[in-house]
């Protein structure tokens, strides 16, 4: 197959040496990175991207070792001071630039012509410092006066192509709906040419948010909780109907308080038309879904589509437990933004190679007559990439870089697992040790 990620790696490597990149790296219009230093901007970015959750001293030592410059002496204090001057927004910028090549091509897999994304929030642990408590807030804990420090992360994940299109990192009390709006805004900035279908779990179906999605031209599928729009659902003549949601005085009062800029629009609009589809889960509970998809898509198809949302939950597990997403360099809040956004970019680079490796693995499995379809071992793929990433990106010759990328893909294909469709079960809390034998990190 065409390994188009080779081109993206070449473009990414060239962009790290682009003189214009320094403008995105500076904070508040200062002239940082204009002087020649022991660790210029390119080295600073590569060191952030290649981190493995070790001590800062070891991270620097390993970076200069991989670069072939063990004689370089750079103090941890000097490195951290330079990191404080680095604008964390440079990593989302590089991530969007990397992904734009993919989404502006014919490569993306689609669902019925839609780019299928899942948006969901998650709490992420950050270092417990005074600055982080003020920036991100405390997550309640009855055993501690200060509580645990957690940031709220809102991720936008491409379900079929396995890329994180965006993540937002904010105070724990921030509305998930507002972060989802920022996710979608950044998706629009990428200029994807495919129509978008977004899947949401319970907690998102406010009238104001639904109107926002419709105004932005986003198709949506949102699960309703048992208390959402109870009266409207009772009056439905069948299990799948169009429903008019009236903009009542109480509803408008909430919008006026939280979204004054949208109050007049919502008041003049008066009502919102949605489709609600109800079905029964294997547990016997009701699954109620709200959407603006046409009725040519059946209730069964909507239910099957909603289950695709689970993949973003699995990817949060990947970020936190396989990529050491929460292993932040230091206690300053700027390190949180830098490390979180840097690891999302690394995840996408790993996945770009892994997508190609999975296609080769699946084809080989079919040829061998395997009972189950096969895919590469994600944990091993991450470890192999972390091990060889710097050598690949620092390689000056394009021909040698492509050779190393091809060797990396071949090695990923050596570690494969079957994909088994397990029967659906009621979700339950599993109290277990975090570090169990078969889920240890690969690096």
Protein backbone atom coordinates (compact mmCIF):
# COMPACT_ATOMS: atom_id res chain seq x y z
CA UNK A 1 0.00 0.00 0.00
CA UNK A 2 1.02 3.65 -0.34
CA UNK A 3 2.70 4.67 2.93
CA UNK A 4 1.58 8.28 2.78
CA UNK A 5 2.75 8.89 6.34
CA UNK A 6 6.28 9.04 4.87
CA UNK A 7 5.36 12.35 3.26
CA UNK A 8 3.82 13.67 6.48
CA UNK A 9 6.92 12.82 8.50
CA UNK A 10 9.07 14.58 5.92
CA UNK A 11 6.86 17.69 6.07
CA UNK A 12 6.83 17.59 9.87
CA UNK A 13 10.62 17.29 10.07
CA UNK A 14 11.02 20.24 7.69
CA UNK A 15 8.50 22.36 9.64
CA UNK A 16 10.60 21.98 12.83
CA UNK A 17 13.41 23.83 11.05
CA UNK A 18 11.14 26.50 9.55
CA UNK A 19 12.28 30.00 10.71
CA UNK A 20 8.61 31.07 10.88
CA UNK A 21 7.92 28.48 13.59
CA UNK A 22 9.52 30.72 16.18
CA UNK A 23 6.56 33.12 15.87
CA UNK A 24 4.22 30.39 17.15
CA UNK A 25 6.65 29.43 19.93
CA UNK A 26 6.80 32.87 21.53
CA UNK A 27 4.50 33.94 24.33
CA UNK A 28 2.99 37.42 24.57
CA UNK A 29 4.93 38.87 21.64
CA UNK A 30 8.36 38.59 23.30
CA UNK A 31 11.56 37.84 21.41
CA UNK A 32 12.33 34.45 22.99
CA UNK A 33 14.37 31.97 20.91
CA UNK A 34 16.03 34.76 18.92
CA UNK A 35 19.46 34.17 20.53
CA UNK A 36 21.62 31.16 19.79
CA UNK A 37 21.40 28.81 22.80
CA UNK A 38 22.65 25.39 23.79
CA UNK A 39 19.15 24.07 23.16
CA UNK A 40 17.48 25.91 20.27
CA UNK A 41 13.75 25.72 19.50
CA UNK A 42 13.89 22.55 17.39
CA UNK A 43 15.72 20.65 20.14
CA UNK A 44 13.30 21.98 22.75
CA UNK A 45 10.29 20.71 20.75
CA UNK A 46 11.84 17.31 20.05
CA UNK A 47 12.76 16.88 23.70
CA UNK A 48 9.13 17.60 24.70
CA UNK A 49 7.79 15.16 22.13
CA UNK A 50 10.20 12.36 22.99
CA UNK A 51 9.64 12.40 26.77
CA UNK A 52 9.05 9.03 28.39
CA UNK A 53 7.91 10.03 31.88
CA UNK A 54 11.40 9.90 33.42
CA UNK A 55 13.12 12.52 35.57
CA UNK A 56 14.02 15.71 33.72
CA UNK A 57 17.73 14.93 34.14
CA UNK A 58 17.27 11.55 32.47
CA UNK A 59 15.06 13.01 29.72
CA UNK A 60 17.82 15.49 28.82
CA UNK A 61 20.51 12.83 29.06
CA UNK A 62 18.60 10.46 26.76
CA UNK A 63 17.83 13.24 24.29
CA UNK A 64 21.46 14.23 23.84
CA UNK A 65 22.45 10.55 23.74
CA UNK A 66 20.03 9.84 20.87
CA UNK A 67 21.25 12.98 19.17
CA UNK A 68 24.84 11.72 19.46
CA UNK A 69 26.02 14.62 21.60
CA UNK A 70 26.63 13.22 25.09
CA UNK A 71 29.21 15.96 25.79
CA UNK A 72 26.46 18.64 25.83
CA UNK A 73 26.02 20.07 29.33
CA UNK A 74 22.66 21.74 30.05
CA UNK A 75 21.32 22.30 33.55
CA UNK A 76 17.81 21.19 34.42
CA UNK A 77 17.09 24.69 35.73
CA UNK A 78 18.15 26.27 32.44
CA UNK A 79 16.02 23.82 30.47
CA UNK A 80 12.94 24.40 32.62
CA UNK A 81 13.33 28.18 32.38
CA UNK A 82 13.39 27.90 28.59
CA UNK A 83 10.32 25.64 28.71
CA UNK A 84 8.44 28.31 30.67
CA UNK A 85 8.98 30.69 27.76
CA UNK A 86 7.65 28.20 25.20
CA UNK A 87 4.10 28.87 24.07
CA UNK A 88 2.20 25.57 24.56
CA UNK A 89 -0.12 26.48 21.66
CA UNK A 90 2.70 25.48 19.30
CA UNK A 91 1.83 21.79 19.80
CA UNK A 92 -1.86 22.06 18.75
CA UNK A 93 -0.63 24.15 15.81
CA UNK A 94 1.82 21.39 14.77
CA UNK A 95 -0.84 18.74 15.34
CA UNK A 96 -3.36 20.50 13.07
CA UNK A 97 -0.66 21.08 10.45
CA UNK A 98 0.27 17.39 10.54
CA UNK A 99 -3.34 16.21 10.25
CA UNK A 100 -4.38 18.66 7.54
CA UNK A 101 -2.41 16.70 4.94
CA UNK A 102 -4.45 13.61 5.82
CA UNK A 103 -7.88 15.27 5.99
CA UNK A 104 -7.38 17.30 2.82
CA UNK A 105 -6.83 14.07 0.87
CA UNK A 106 -8.98 11.05 0.00
CA UNK A 107 -7.41 8.93 2.75
CA UNK A 108 -9.99 9.32 5.57
CA UNK A 109 -12.40 6.45 6.20
CA UNK A 110 -16.01 7.68 6.42
CA UNK A 111 -19.33 6.41 7.77
CA UNK A 112 -22.06 6.86 5.13
CA UNK A 113 -20.08 9.82 3.79
CA UNK A 114 -19.61 11.41 7.25
CA UNK A 115 -16.41 12.03 9.16
CA UNK A 116 -17.31 10.20 12.39
CA UNK A 117 -16.00 11.88 15.55
CA UNK A 118 -16.63 11.34 19.25
CA UNK A 119 -16.37 14.18 21.76
CA UNK A 120 -16.15 13.49 25.49
CA UNK A 121 -14.63 14.91 28.65
CA UNK A 122 -12.30 13.27 31.16
CA UNK A 123 -10.49 14.29 34.32
CA UNK A 124 -6.69 14.19 34.17
CA UNK A 125 -4.30 14.27 37.12
CA UNK A 126 -1.84 17.17 37.25
CA UNK A 127 0.93 17.97 39.77
CA UNK A 128 -0.41 19.20 43.11
CA UNK A 129 0.98 22.72 43.31
CA UNK A 130 -0.50 26.06 44.32
CA UNK A 131 -0.37 27.32 40.74
CA UNK A 132 -2.16 24.23 39.40
CA UNK A 133 -4.81 24.42 42.14
CA UNK A 134 -5.55 27.98 41.03
CA UNK A 135 -5.43 27.14 37.31
CA UNK A 136 -7.30 23.82 37.28
CA UNK A 137 -9.05 23.57 40.66
CA UNK A 138 -9.50 20.73 43.13
CA UNK A 139 -11.41 17.54 42.60
CA UNK A 140 -13.42 16.90 45.78
CA UNK A 141 -11.93 14.53 48.32
CA UNK A 142 -13.39 14.04 51.81
CA UNK A 143 -10.01 12.88 53.12
CA UNK A 144 -8.18 16.10 52.25
CA UNK A 145 -8.85 19.80 52.78
CA UNK A 146 -7.21 20.76 49.49
CA UNK A 147 -8.41 17.74 47.51
CA UNK A 148 -6.75 16.25 44.45
CA UNK A 149 -5.75 18.51 41.58
CA UNK A 150 -7.45 17.52 38.34
CA UNK A 151 -7.80 19.25 34.98
CA UNK A 152 -10.82 18.80 32.73
CA UNK A 153 -9.86 17.49 29.29
CA UNK A 154 -12.27 17.53 26.34
CA UNK A 155 -11.12 15.29 23.51
CA UNK A 156 -12.32 15.12 19.90
CA UNK A 157 -11.47 11.73 18.43
CA UNK A 158 -11.85 10.41 14.88
CA UNK A 159 -13.45 7.02 15.49
CA UNK A 160 -12.62 5.40 12.15
CA UNK A 161 -9.20 6.92 11.45
CA UNK A 162 -8.00 6.80 15.09
CA UNK A 163 -6.62 10.35 15.37
CA UNK A 164 -7.13 12.89 18.16
CA UNK A 165 -8.24 15.95 16.22
CA UNK A 166 -8.12 18.22 19.27
CA UNK A 167 -8.03 18.30 23.05
CA UNK A 168 -8.91 21.22 25.32
CA UNK A 169 -7.47 21.49 28.83
CA UNK A 170 -9.30 23.66 31.36
CA UNK A 171 -10.42 24.22 34.96
CA UNK A 172 -12.28 21.26 36.46
CA UNK A 173 -15.49 23.31 36.82
CA UNK A 174 -15.64 24.34 33.15
CA UNK A 175 -18.72 23.26 31.19
CA UNK A 176 -18.04 20.27 28.93
CA UNK A 177 -20.42 21.80 26.38
CA UNK A 178 -18.27 24.94 26.15
CA UNK A 179 -15.12 22.86 25.66
CA UNK A 180 -16.89 20.81 22.99
CA UNK A 181 -17.64 24.08 21.16
CA UNK A 182 -13.92 24.87 21.20
CA UNK A 183 -13.17 21.38 19.88
CA UNK A 184 -15.51 21.99 16.95
CA UNK A 185 -14.08 25.46 16.34
CA UNK A 186 -10.60 23.94 15.94
CA UNK A 187 -12.00 21.27 13.63
CA UNK A 188 -13.42 24.06 11.44
CA UNK A 189 -9.97 25.71 11.38
CA UNK A 190 -8.56 22.53 9.83
CA UNK A 191 -10.93 22.98 6.91
CA UNK A 192 -11.97 19.33 6.59
CA UNK A 193 -13.93 18.82 3.37
CA UNK A 194 -16.09 15.95 4.66
CA UNK A 195 -19.44 16.49 6.47
CA UNK A 196 -19.08 15.82 10.21
CA UNK A 197 -21.13 13.54 12.45
CA UNK A 198 -20.37 13.95 16.17
CA UNK A 199 -21.34 11.39 18.86
CA UNK A 200 -21.88 12.51 22.46
CA UNK A 201 -22.73 10.73 25.69
CA UNK A 202 -25.26 11.94 28.28
CA UNK A 203 -24.68 15.44 29.62
CA UNK A 204 -24.59 17.37 26.33
CA UNK A 205 -28.21 17.69 25.08
CA UNK A 206 -29.04 21.29 26.08
CA UNK A 207 -31.21 23.19 23.60
CA UNK A 208 -28.56 25.89 23.29
CA UNK A 209 -25.84 23.34 22.44
CA UNK A 210 -28.07 21.53 19.92
CA UNK A 211 -28.80 24.86 18.24
CA UNK A 212 -25.05 25.59 18.14
CA UNK A 213 -24.38 22.26 16.39
CA UNK A 214 -27.13 22.86 13.86
CA UNK A 215 -25.88 26.39 13.19
CA UNK A 216 -22.33 25.05 12.62
CA UNK A 217 -23.62 22.42 10.19
CA UNK A 218 -22.62 19.51 12.45
CA UNK A 219 -24.71 16.35 12.42
CA UNK A 220 -24.98 14.86 15.90
CA UNK A 221 -26.04 11.79 17.87
CA UNK A 222 -26.50 12.39 21.61
CA UNK A 223 -27.60 9.94 24.27
CA UNK A 224 -30.31 11.26 26.59
CA UNK A 225 -30.44 10.55 30.30
CA UNK A 226 -33.70 9.38 31.87
CA UNK A 227 -34.56 12.96 32.94
CA UNK A 228 -33.88 14.72 29.62
CA UNK A 229 -37.01 16.02 27.85
CA UNK A 230 -39.28 13.60 29.73
CA UNK A 231 -42.55 15.28 28.77
CA UNK A 232 -41.66 15.49 25.08
CA UNK A 233 -40.66 11.82 25.05
CA UNK A 234 -43.93 10.77 26.73
CA UNK A 235 -45.93 12.40 23.93
CA UNK A 236 -44.08 10.58 21.13
CA UNK A 237 -46.58 8.45 19.14
CA UNK A 238 -43.86 5.88 18.33
CA UNK A 239 -40.33 4.93 19.34
CA UNK A 240 -38.77 7.06 16.59
CA UNK A 241 -40.17 10.51 15.91
CA UNK A 242 -39.41 14.13 15.18
CA UNK A 243 -39.97 16.20 18.33
CA UNK A 244 -40.37 19.96 18.76
CA UNK A 245 -38.48 21.38 21.75
CA UNK A 246 -40.11 24.67 22.79
CA UNK A 247 -37.88 27.49 24.00
CA UNK A 248 -39.83 28.05 27.20
CA UNK A 249 -39.42 31.04 29.51
CA UNK A 250 -37.43 28.92 32.00
CA UNK A 251 -35.20 27.62 29.24
CA UNK A 252 -34.61 31.14 27.86
CA UNK A 253 -33.82 32.44 31.34
CA UNK A 254 -31.00 29.89 31.67
CA UNK A 255 -29.69 30.80 28.22
CA UNK A 256 -29.83 34.52 29.08
CA UNK A 257 -27.76 33.86 32.20
CA UNK A 258 -25.16 31.52 30.68
CA UNK A 259 -25.12 32.62 27.02
CA UNK A 260 -26.35 36.23 26.81
CA UNK A 261 -24.88 36.57 23.31
CA UNK A 262 -27.26 33.85 22.06
CA UNK A 263 -30.37 34.85 24.00
CA UNK A 264 -32.02 36.98 21.31
CA UNK A 265 -31.38 34.38 18.62
CA UNK A 266 -32.90 31.59 20.72
CA UNK A 267 -35.85 33.77 21.72
CA UNK A 268 -36.66 34.66 18.12
CA UNK A 269 -36.24 31.08 16.97
CA UNK A 270 -38.83 29.89 19.50
CA UNK A 271 -38.34 26.14 19.05
CA UNK A 272 -35.87 23.48 17.90
CA UNK A 273 -36.77 20.43 15.84
CA UNK A 274 -34.94 17.18 16.67
CA UNK A 275 -35.37 13.45 16.09
CA UNK A 276 -35.57 11.15 19.12
CA UNK A 277 -35.11 7.40 18.76
CA UNK A 278 -35.78 4.91 21.57
CA UNK A 279 -34.66 1.29 21.80
CA UNK A 280 -34.02 -1.30 24.52
CA UNK A 281 -30.56 -2.29 25.74
CA UNK A 282 -29.66 -5.95 26.51
CA UNK A 283 -29.87 -4.99 30.21
CA UNK A 284 -33.53 -4.00 29.73
CA UNK A 285 -32.85 -0.27 30.17
CA UNK A 286 -33.97 2.26 27.57
CA UNK A 287 -31.51 3.79 25.12
CA UNK A 288 -32.81 7.20 23.99
CA UNK A 289 -30.85 9.00 21.28
CA UNK A 290 -31.31 12.52 19.91
CA UNK A 291 -30.11 13.30 16.40
CA UNK A 292 -30.62 15.39 13.27
CA UNK A 293 -29.82 12.49 10.95
CA UNK A 294 -32.55 11.62 8.40
CA UNK A 295 -35.03 8.80 9.08
CA UNK A 296 -33.44 6.77 6.27
CA UNK A 297 -30.99 5.75 9.01
CA UNK A 298 -32.87 3.22 11.13
CA UNK A 299 -33.18 2.96 14.91
CA UNK A 300 -30.93 -0.11 14.87
CA UNK A 301 -28.28 1.75 12.86
CA UNK A 302 -28.40 4.68 15.31
CA UNK A 303 -27.92 2.34 18.27
CA UNK A 304 -24.98 0.59 16.58
CA UNK A 305 -23.52 3.97 15.71
CA UNK A 306 -23.74 5.17 19.31
CA UNK A 307 -21.64 2.21 20.50
CA UNK A 308 -18.78 3.56 18.36
CA UNK A 309 -18.43 6.31 20.98
CA UNK A 310 -16.80 3.81 23.33
CA UNK A 311 -13.58 4.10 21.32
CA UNK A 312 -12.81 7.54 22.77
CA UNK A 313 -13.03 6.03 26.28
CA UNK A 314 -10.45 3.41 25.24
CA UNK A 315 -8.22 6.14 23.81
CA UNK A 316 -8.26 8.06 27.09
CA UNK A 317 -7.00 4.82 28.63
CA UNK A 318 -4.23 4.75 25.99
CA UNK A 319 -3.17 8.33 26.67
CA UNK A 320 -3.15 8.03 30.45
CA UNK A 321 -1.85 4.51 30.98
CA UNK A 322 0.24 3.71 27.90
CA UNK A 323 1.65 7.09 26.90
CA UNK A 324 2.14 8.50 30.43
CA UNK A 325 0.01 11.48 29.49
CA UNK A 326 -0.28 12.57 33.13
CA UNK A 327 3.46 12.38 33.83
CA UNK A 328 4.07 16.14 33.68
CA UNK A 329 7.57 17.66 33.56
CA UNK A 330 7.12 20.11 36.45
CA UNK A 331 4.69 21.88 38.76
CA UNK A 332 4.04 24.99 36.64
CA UNK A 333 0.76 25.02 34.72
CA UNK A 334 2.51 25.75 31.42
CA UNK A 335 4.15 22.31 31.60
CA UNK A 336 0.70 20.70 31.85
CA UNK A 337 -0.46 22.30 28.61
CA UNK A 338 2.84 21.57 26.86
CA UNK A 339 3.04 17.91 27.86
CA UNK A 340 -0.64 17.11 27.30
CA UNK A 341 -0.72 18.65 23.82
CA UNK A 342 2.71 17.25 22.88
CA UNK A 343 1.65 13.69 23.70
CA UNK A 344 -1.52 14.02 21.62
CA UNK A 345 0.68 14.91 18.63
CA UNK A 346 2.91 11.90 19.36
CA UNK A 347 -0.17 9.66 19.62
CA UNK A 348 -1.27 10.75 16.14
CA UNK A 349 2.17 10.11 14.66
CA UNK A 350 2.23 6.61 16.18
CA UNK A 351 -1.27 5.95 14.91
CA UNK A 352 -0.43 7.14 11.40
CA UNK A 353 2.17 4.38 11.09
CA UNK A 354 -0.01 1.89 12.95
CA UNK A 355 -2.95 2.45 10.57
CA UNK A 356 -0.73 1.28 7.73
CA UNK A 357 0.66 -1.61 9.79
CA UNK A 358 -2.90 -2.69 10.73
CA UNK A 359 -3.91 -2.88 7.07
CA UNK A 360 -0.93 -5.10 6.30
CA UNK A 361 -1.60 -7.23 9.40
CA UNK A 362 -5.30 -7.66 8.56
CA UNK A 363 -4.47 -8.67 4.97
CA UNK A 364 -1.89 -11.20 6.17
CA UNK A 365 -4.40 -12.62 8.65
CA UNK A 366 -7.00 -13.12 5.91
CA UNK A 367 -4.44 -14.88 3.71
CA UNK A 368 -3.48 -17.19 6.58
CA UNK A 369 -7.14 -17.99 7.27
CA UNK A 370 -7.11 -16.75 10.87
CA UNK A 371 -10.35 -17.20 12.79
CA UNK A 372 -10.33 -13.57 13.99
CA UNK A 373 -9.18 -10.39 12.22
CA UNK A 374 -5.78 -9.24 13.44
CA UNK A 375 -4.31 -5.89 14.40
CA UNK A 376 -1.03 -4.65 15.86
CA UNK A 377 -0.38 -4.50 19.60
CA UNK A 378 -0.94 -0.84 20.54
CA UNK A 379 1.28 -0.91 23.61
CA UNK A 380 4.20 -2.35 21.62
CA UNK A 381 3.62 0.12 18.77
CA UNK A 382 3.88 3.05 21.19
CA UNK A 383 7.03 1.66 22.80
CA UNK A 384 8.71 0.98 19.44
CA UNK A 385 7.88 4.47 18.22
CA UNK A 386 9.14 6.15 21.40
CA UNK A 387 12.37 4.18 21.05
CA UNK A 388 13.09 5.26 17.46
CA UNK A 389 11.25 8.58 17.12
CA UNK A 390 14.23 10.89 17.61
CA UNK A 391 16.47 8.95 15.25
CA UNK A 392 13.77 9.21 12.57
CA UNK A 393 13.05 12.93 12.99
CA UNK A 394 16.73 13.89 13.32
CA UNK A 395 17.68 11.95 10.18
CA UNK A 396 18.83 14.59 7.62
CA UNK A 397 18.42 12.37 4.53
CA UNK A 398 14.85 11.73 3.36
CA UNK A 399 15.81 8.36 1.86
CA UNK A 400 17.25 7.14 5.17
CA UNK A 401 14.25 8.48 7.09
CA UNK A 402 11.84 6.54 4.86
CA UNK A 403 13.94 3.41 5.33
CA UNK A 404 13.77 3.78 9.14
CA UNK A 405 10.01 4.36 9.02
CA UNK A 406 9.50 1.26 6.91
CA UNK A 407 11.63 -0.77 9.32
CA UNK A 408 9.57 0.57 12.23
CA UNK A 409 6.30 -0.45 10.56
CA UNK A 410 7.66 -3.93 9.84
CA UNK A 411 8.63 -4.34 13.47
CA UNK A 412 5.15 -3.20 14.61
CA UNK A 413 3.69 -5.91 12.38
CA UNK A 414 5.60 -8.56 14.31
CA UNK A 415 3.47 -7.96 17.42
CA UNK A 416 -0.17 -8.72 16.61
CA UNK A 417 -3.38 -9.51 18.49
CA UNK A 418 -6.79 -10.89 17.42
CA UNK A 419 -9.81 -8.56 17.42
CA UNK A 420 -12.60 -10.37 19.26
CA UNK A 421 -16.16 -9.07 19.48
CA UNK A 422 -17.05 -9.66 23.11
CA UNK A 423 -20.69 -9.80 24.27
CA UNK A 424 -22.01 -6.52 25.67
CA UNK A 425 -22.14 -6.27 29.45
CA UNK A 426 -23.43 -3.76 31.96
CA UNK A 427 -20.65 -1.28 32.74
CA UNK A 428 -19.43 -1.58 36.29
CA UNK A 429 -16.73 -0.07 38.45
CA UNK A 430 -13.68 -2.30 38.71
CA UNK A 431 -11.58 -1.71 41.82
CA UNK A 432 -8.14 -3.10 41.01
CA UNK A 433 -4.48 -2.28 41.14
CA UNK A 434 -3.40 0.32 38.57
CA UNK A 435 -0.24 -1.59 37.61
CA UNK A 436 -1.28 -5.11 36.68
CA UNK A 437 1.03 -7.57 34.97
CA UNK A 438 -0.49 -7.55 31.49
CA UNK A 439 -0.80 -3.75 31.20
CA UNK A 440 2.66 -2.56 32.09
CA UNK A 441 4.06 0.25 29.99
CA UNK A 442 6.24 -0.62 26.97
CA UNK A 443 8.84 2.04 27.75
